[in-house]
């Protein structure tokens, strides 16, 4: 579509790759990027469990949507400067695969010491940890439902 303009603006495909995928800031290490993604995703999943749990005080359809918007905004402000807060492997890996196929080459995977695996692994581990924390710290303390006696 705008391939000719892209060749004029960024002939070496170095600056426009970050328009599609998330990349860490230059001043943080991959270790920092890993735990940033891990904690951000764990907080996201834990918040989703808390907002949608019907045995808590339900937020209602409008309140839940507002709570989700506030949660995503807070996560973006907290973690966006470090890694762009992928918080979902599909948000990063799909566009990264597209940029690989569309001409950016293998550097989309090798940039920053092979950073590409961090938004995949850290997000999957963070999601499991966030769900587990909610189940461990909140859900097991709910009284049993009447039909479970």
C-alpha atoms as a PDB file:
ATOM      1  CA  UNK A   1       0.000   0.000   0.000  1.00  0.00           C
ATOM      2  CA  UNK A   2       2.549   2.679   1.010  1.00  0.00           C
ATOM      3  CA  UNK A   3       5.627   0.563   0.359  1.00  0.00           C
ATOM      4  CA  UNK A   4       7.344   3.181  -1.813  1.00  0.00           C
ATOM      5  CA  UNK A   5       6.898   5.844   0.866  1.00  0.00           C
ATOM      6  CA  UNK A   6       8.263   3.444   3.453  1.00  0.00           C
ATOM      7  CA  UNK A   7      11.389   2.956   1.346  1.00  0.00           C
ATOM      8  CA  UNK A   8      11.886   6.731   1.251  1.00  0.00           C
ATOM      9  CA  UNK A   9      11.294   7.261   4.974  1.00  0.00           C
ATOM     10  CA  UNK A  10      13.171   4.235   6.330  1.00  0.00           C
ATOM     11  CA  UNK A  11      15.250   2.453   3.674  1.00  0.00           C
ATOM     12  CA  UNK A  12      17.132   0.304   6.221  1.00  0.00           C
ATOM     13  CA  UNK A  13      13.966  -0.667   8.123  1.00  0.00           C
ATOM     14  CA  UNK A  14      15.359   0.419  11.489  1.00  0.00           C
ATOM     15  CA  UNK A  15      12.982   3.015  12.901  1.00  0.00           C
ATOM     16  CA  UNK A  16       9.605   1.884  11.595  1.00  0.00           C
ATOM     17  CA  UNK A  17       9.730  -1.642  13.033  1.00  0.00           C
ATOM     18  CA  UNK A  18       8.632  -0.319  16.421  1.00  0.00           C
ATOM     19  CA  UNK A  19       5.363   0.858  14.860  1.00  0.00           C
ATOM     20  CA  UNK A  20       4.210  -2.750  14.728  1.00  0.00           C
ATOM     21  CA  UNK A  21       5.713  -4.594  17.706  1.00  0.00           C
ATOM     22  CA  UNK A  22       6.839  -3.675  21.186  1.00  0.00           C
ATOM     23  CA  UNK A  23      10.512  -3.018  21.840  1.00  0.00           C
ATOM     24  CA  UNK A  24      12.168  -2.136  25.140  1.00  0.00           C
ATOM     25  CA  UNK A  25      13.689   1.242  25.881  1.00  0.00           C
ATOM     26  CA  UNK A  26      17.394   1.514  25.210  1.00  0.00           C
ATOM     27  CA  UNK A  27      18.240   2.038  28.869  1.00  0.00           C
ATOM     28  CA  UNK A  28      16.787  -1.204  30.287  1.00  0.00           C
ATOM     29  CA  UNK A  29      18.160  -4.731  30.238  1.00  0.00           C
ATOM     30  CA  UNK A  30      16.353  -7.833  29.040  1.00  0.00           C
ATOM     31  CA  UNK A  31      16.072  -8.908  32.683  1.00  0.00           C
ATOM     32  CA  UNK A  32      14.199  -5.701  33.520  1.00  0.00           C
ATOM     33  CA  UNK A  33      12.054  -6.126  30.421  1.00  0.00           C
ATOM     34  CA  UNK A  34      11.216  -9.690  31.457  1.00  0.00           C
ATOM     35  CA  UNK A  35      10.003  -8.864  34.924  1.00  0.00           C
ATOM     36  CA  UNK A  36       8.215  -5.736  33.661  1.00  0.00           C
ATOM     37  CA  UNK A  37       6.188  -7.868  31.239  1.00  0.00           C
ATOM     38  CA  UNK A  38       5.700 -10.606  33.843  1.00  0.00           C
ATOM     39  CA  UNK A  39       4.394  -8.257  36.533  1.00  0.00           C
ATOM     40  CA  UNK A  40       2.250  -6.269  34.092  1.00  0.00           C
ATOM     41  CA  UNK A  41       0.538  -9.374  32.745  1.00  0.00           C
ATOM     42  CA  UNK A  42       0.090 -10.850  36.217  1.00  0.00           C
ATOM     43  CA  UNK A  43      -1.588  -7.621  37.334  1.00  0.00           C
ATOM     44  CA  UNK A  44      -3.777  -7.599  34.221  1.00  0.00           C
ATOM     45  CA  UNK A  45      -5.023 -11.165  34.708  1.00  0.00           C
ATOM     46  CA  UNK A  46      -5.485 -10.726  38.459  1.00  0.00           C
ATOM     47  CA  UNK A  47      -7.533  -7.574  37.792  1.00  0.00           C
ATOM     48  CA  UNK A  48      -9.651  -9.339  35.178  1.00  0.00           C
ATOM     49  CA  UNK A  49     -10.416 -12.104  37.664  1.00  0.00           C
ATOM     50  CA  UNK A  50     -11.308  -9.557  40.348  1.00  0.00           C
ATOM     51  CA  UNK A  51     -13.577  -7.496  38.093  1.00  0.00           C
ATOM     52  CA  UNK A  52     -15.418 -10.466  36.571  1.00  0.00           C
ATOM     53  CA  UNK A  53     -15.777 -12.597  39.719  1.00  0.00           C
ATOM     54  CA  UNK A  54     -19.524 -12.755  40.380  1.00  0.00           C
ATOM     55  CA  UNK A  55     -18.981 -13.737  44.000  1.00  0.00           C
ATOM     56  CA  UNK A  56     -17.308 -10.426  44.662  1.00  0.00           C
ATOM     57  CA  UNK A  57     -19.469  -7.359  44.536  1.00  0.00           C
ATOM     58  CA  UNK A  58     -20.147  -7.218  40.774  1.00  0.00           C
ATOM     59  CA  UNK A  59     -19.233  -4.028  38.979  1.00  0.00           C
ATOM     60  CA  UNK A  60     -22.118  -4.295  36.513  1.00  0.00           C
ATOM     61  CA  UNK A  61     -21.775  -3.975  32.749  1.00  0.00           C
ATOM     62  CA  UNK A  62     -20.938  -0.263  32.722  1.00  0.00           C
ATOM     63  CA  UNK A  63     -18.776  -0.409  35.829  1.00  0.00           C
ATOM     64  CA  UNK A  64     -16.821  -3.395  34.504  1.00  0.00           C
ATOM     65  CA  UNK A  65     -16.085  -1.636  31.217  1.00  0.00           C
ATOM     66  CA  UNK A  66     -14.969   1.477  33.077  1.00  0.00           C
ATOM     67  CA  UNK A  67     -12.798  -0.607  35.420  1.00  0.00           C
ATOM     68  CA  UNK A  68     -11.176  -2.373  32.455  1.00  0.00           C
ATOM     69  CA  UNK A  69     -10.421   0.980  30.808  1.00  0.00           C
ATOM     70  CA  UNK A  70      -8.868   2.338  33.996  1.00  0.00           C
ATOM     71  CA  UNK A  71      -6.850  -0.846  34.462  1.00  0.00           C
ATOM     72  CA  UNK A  72      -5.420  -0.759  30.920  1.00  0.00           C
ATOM     73  CA  UNK A  73      -4.640   2.945  31.263  1.00  0.00           C
ATOM     74  CA  UNK A  74      -2.868   2.396  34.588  1.00  0.00           C
ATOM     75  CA  UNK A  75      -0.853  -0.508  33.174  1.00  0.00           C
ATOM     76  CA  UNK A  76       0.130   1.612  30.197  1.00  0.00           C
ATOM     77  CA  UNK A  77       1.291   4.453  32.403  1.00  0.00           C
ATOM     78  CA  UNK A  78       3.172   2.118  34.728  1.00  0.00           C
ATOM     79  CA  UNK A  79       4.867  -0.181  32.213  1.00  0.00           C
ATOM     80  CA  UNK A  80       4.610   1.542  28.843  1.00  0.00           C
ATOM     81  CA  UNK A  81       7.909   3.394  29.055  1.00  0.00           C
ATOM     82  CA  UNK A  82       9.937   0.243  29.713  1.00  0.00           C
ATOM     83  CA  UNK A  83       8.615  -2.221  27.162  1.00  0.00           C
ATOM     84  CA  UNK A  84       5.500  -0.829  25.521  1.00  0.00           C
ATOM     85  CA  UNK A  85       3.522  -3.254  27.731  1.00  0.00           C
ATOM     86  CA  UNK A  86       2.706  -6.059  25.336  1.00  0.00           C
ATOM     87  CA  UNK A  87       0.816  -7.947  28.126  1.00  0.00           C
ATOM     88  CA  UNK A  88      -0.375 -10.399  25.476  1.00  0.00           C
ATOM     89  CA  UNK A  89       1.811 -12.553  23.221  1.00  0.00           C
ATOM     90  CA  UNK A  90      -0.547 -11.937  20.294  1.00  0.00           C
ATOM     91  CA  UNK A  91      -0.049  -8.179  20.553  1.00  0.00           C
ATOM     92  CA  UNK A  92       3.673  -8.593  19.930  1.00  0.00           C
ATOM     93  CA  UNK A  93       4.380 -11.855  18.097  1.00  0.00           C
ATOM     94  CA  UNK A  94       1.799 -11.514  15.313  1.00  0.00           C
ATOM     95  CA  UNK A  95       2.951  -8.047  14.226  1.00  0.00           C
ATOM     96  CA  UNK A  96       6.581  -9.130  14.625  1.00  0.00           C
ATOM     97  CA  UNK A  97       5.964 -12.068  12.301  1.00  0.00           C
ATOM     98  CA  UNK A  98       4.272  -9.694   9.842  1.00  0.00           C
ATOM     99  CA  UNK A  99       7.239  -7.321   9.842  1.00  0.00           C
ATOM    100  CA  UNK A 100       9.565 -10.275   9.272  1.00  0.00           C
ATOM    101  CA  UNK A 101       7.547 -11.334   6.215  1.00  0.00           C
ATOM    102  CA  UNK A 102       7.024  -7.761   4.960  1.00  0.00           C
ATOM    103  CA  UNK A 103      10.685  -6.971   4.504  1.00  0.00           C
ATOM    104  CA  UNK A 104      12.205  -6.025   7.832  1.00  0.00           C
ATOM    105  CA  UNK A 105      14.097  -9.310   7.924  1.00  0.00           C
ATOM    106  CA  UNK A 106      15.404 -11.353  10.807  1.00  0.00           C
ATOM    107  CA  UNK A 107      16.491  -8.312  12.809  1.00  0.00           C
ATOM    108  CA  UNK A 108      12.966  -8.071  14.225  1.00  0.00           C
ATOM    109  CA  UNK A 109      13.856 -11.234  16.141  1.00  0.00           C
ATOM    110  CA  UNK A 110      17.516 -10.485  16.903  1.00  0.00           C
ATOM    111  CA  UNK A 111      17.178  -6.886  18.115  1.00  0.00           C
ATOM    112  CA  UNK A 112      18.264  -6.268  21.714  1.00  0.00           C
ATOM    113  CA  UNK A 113      19.829  -9.707  22.231  1.00  0.00           C
ATOM    114  CA  UNK A 114      16.836 -11.672  20.948  1.00  0.00           C
ATOM    115  CA  UNK A 115      14.240  -9.694  22.899  1.00  0.00           C
ATOM    116  CA  UNK A 116      11.372 -11.244  20.894  1.00  0.00           C
ATOM    117  CA  UNK A 117      10.907 -14.184  23.301  1.00  0.00           C
ATOM    118  CA  UNK A 118      10.343 -11.985  26.363  1.00  0.00           C
ATOM    119  CA  UNK A 119       6.807 -10.752  25.485  1.00  0.00           C
ATOM    120  CA  UNK A 120       5.864 -14.364  24.763  1.00  0.00           C
ATOM    121  CA  UNK A 121       7.317 -16.254  27.725  1.00  0.00           C
ATOM    122  CA  UNK A 122       6.992 -13.537  30.373  1.00  0.00           C
ATOM    123  CA  UNK A 123       3.375 -12.847  29.417  1.00  0.00           C
ATOM    124  CA  UNK A 124       2.389 -16.512  29.515  1.00  0.00           C
ATOM    125  CA  UNK A 125       4.105 -17.013  32.863  1.00  0.00           C
ATOM    126  CA  UNK A 126       2.694 -13.761  34.250  1.00  0.00           C
ATOM    127  CA  UNK A 127      -0.835 -14.715  33.210  1.00  0.00           C
ATOM    128  CA  UNK A 128      -0.611 -18.067  34.961  1.00  0.00           C
ATOM    129  CA  UNK A 129       0.887 -16.438  38.045  1.00  0.00           C
ATOM    130  CA  UNK A 130      -1.789 -13.710  38.170  1.00  0.00           C
ATOM    131  CA  UNK A 131      -4.597 -16.247  37.858  1.00  0.00           C
ATOM    132  CA  UNK A 132      -2.978 -18.481  40.459  1.00  0.00           C
ATOM    133  CA  UNK A 133      -2.538 -15.598  42.873  1.00  0.00           C
ATOM    134  CA  UNK A 134      -6.191 -14.642  42.579  1.00  0.00           C
ATOM    135  CA  UNK A 135      -7.333 -18.204  43.116  1.00  0.00           C
ATOM    136  CA  UNK A 136      -4.942 -18.661  46.035  1.00  0.00           C
ATOM    137  CA  UNK A 137      -5.527 -15.364  47.803  1.00  0.00           C
ATOM    138  CA  UNK A 138      -9.197 -14.635  47.068  1.00  0.00           C
ATOM    139  CA  UNK A 139     -11.217 -17.372  45.413  1.00  0.00           C
ATOM    140  CA  UNK A 140     -10.511 -20.169  47.900  1.00  0.00           C
ATOM    141  CA  UNK A 141     -11.871 -17.959  50.682  1.00  0.00           C
ATOM    142  CA  UNK A 142     -15.318 -17.613  49.101  1.00  0.00           C
ATOM    143  CA  UNK A 143     -18.021 -19.619  50.873  1.00  0.00           C
ATOM    144  CA  UNK A 144     -19.207 -22.643  48.896  1.00  0.00           C
ATOM    145  CA  UNK A 145     -22.202 -22.138  46.634  1.00  0.00           C
ATOM    146  CA  UNK A 146     -25.483 -23.644  47.933  1.00  0.00           C
ATOM    147  CA  UNK A 147     -25.633 -26.311  45.196  1.00  0.00           C
ATOM    148  CA  UNK A 148     -22.106 -27.534  46.092  1.00  0.00           C
ATOM    149  CA  UNK A 149     -23.121 -28.964  49.519  1.00  0.00           C
END
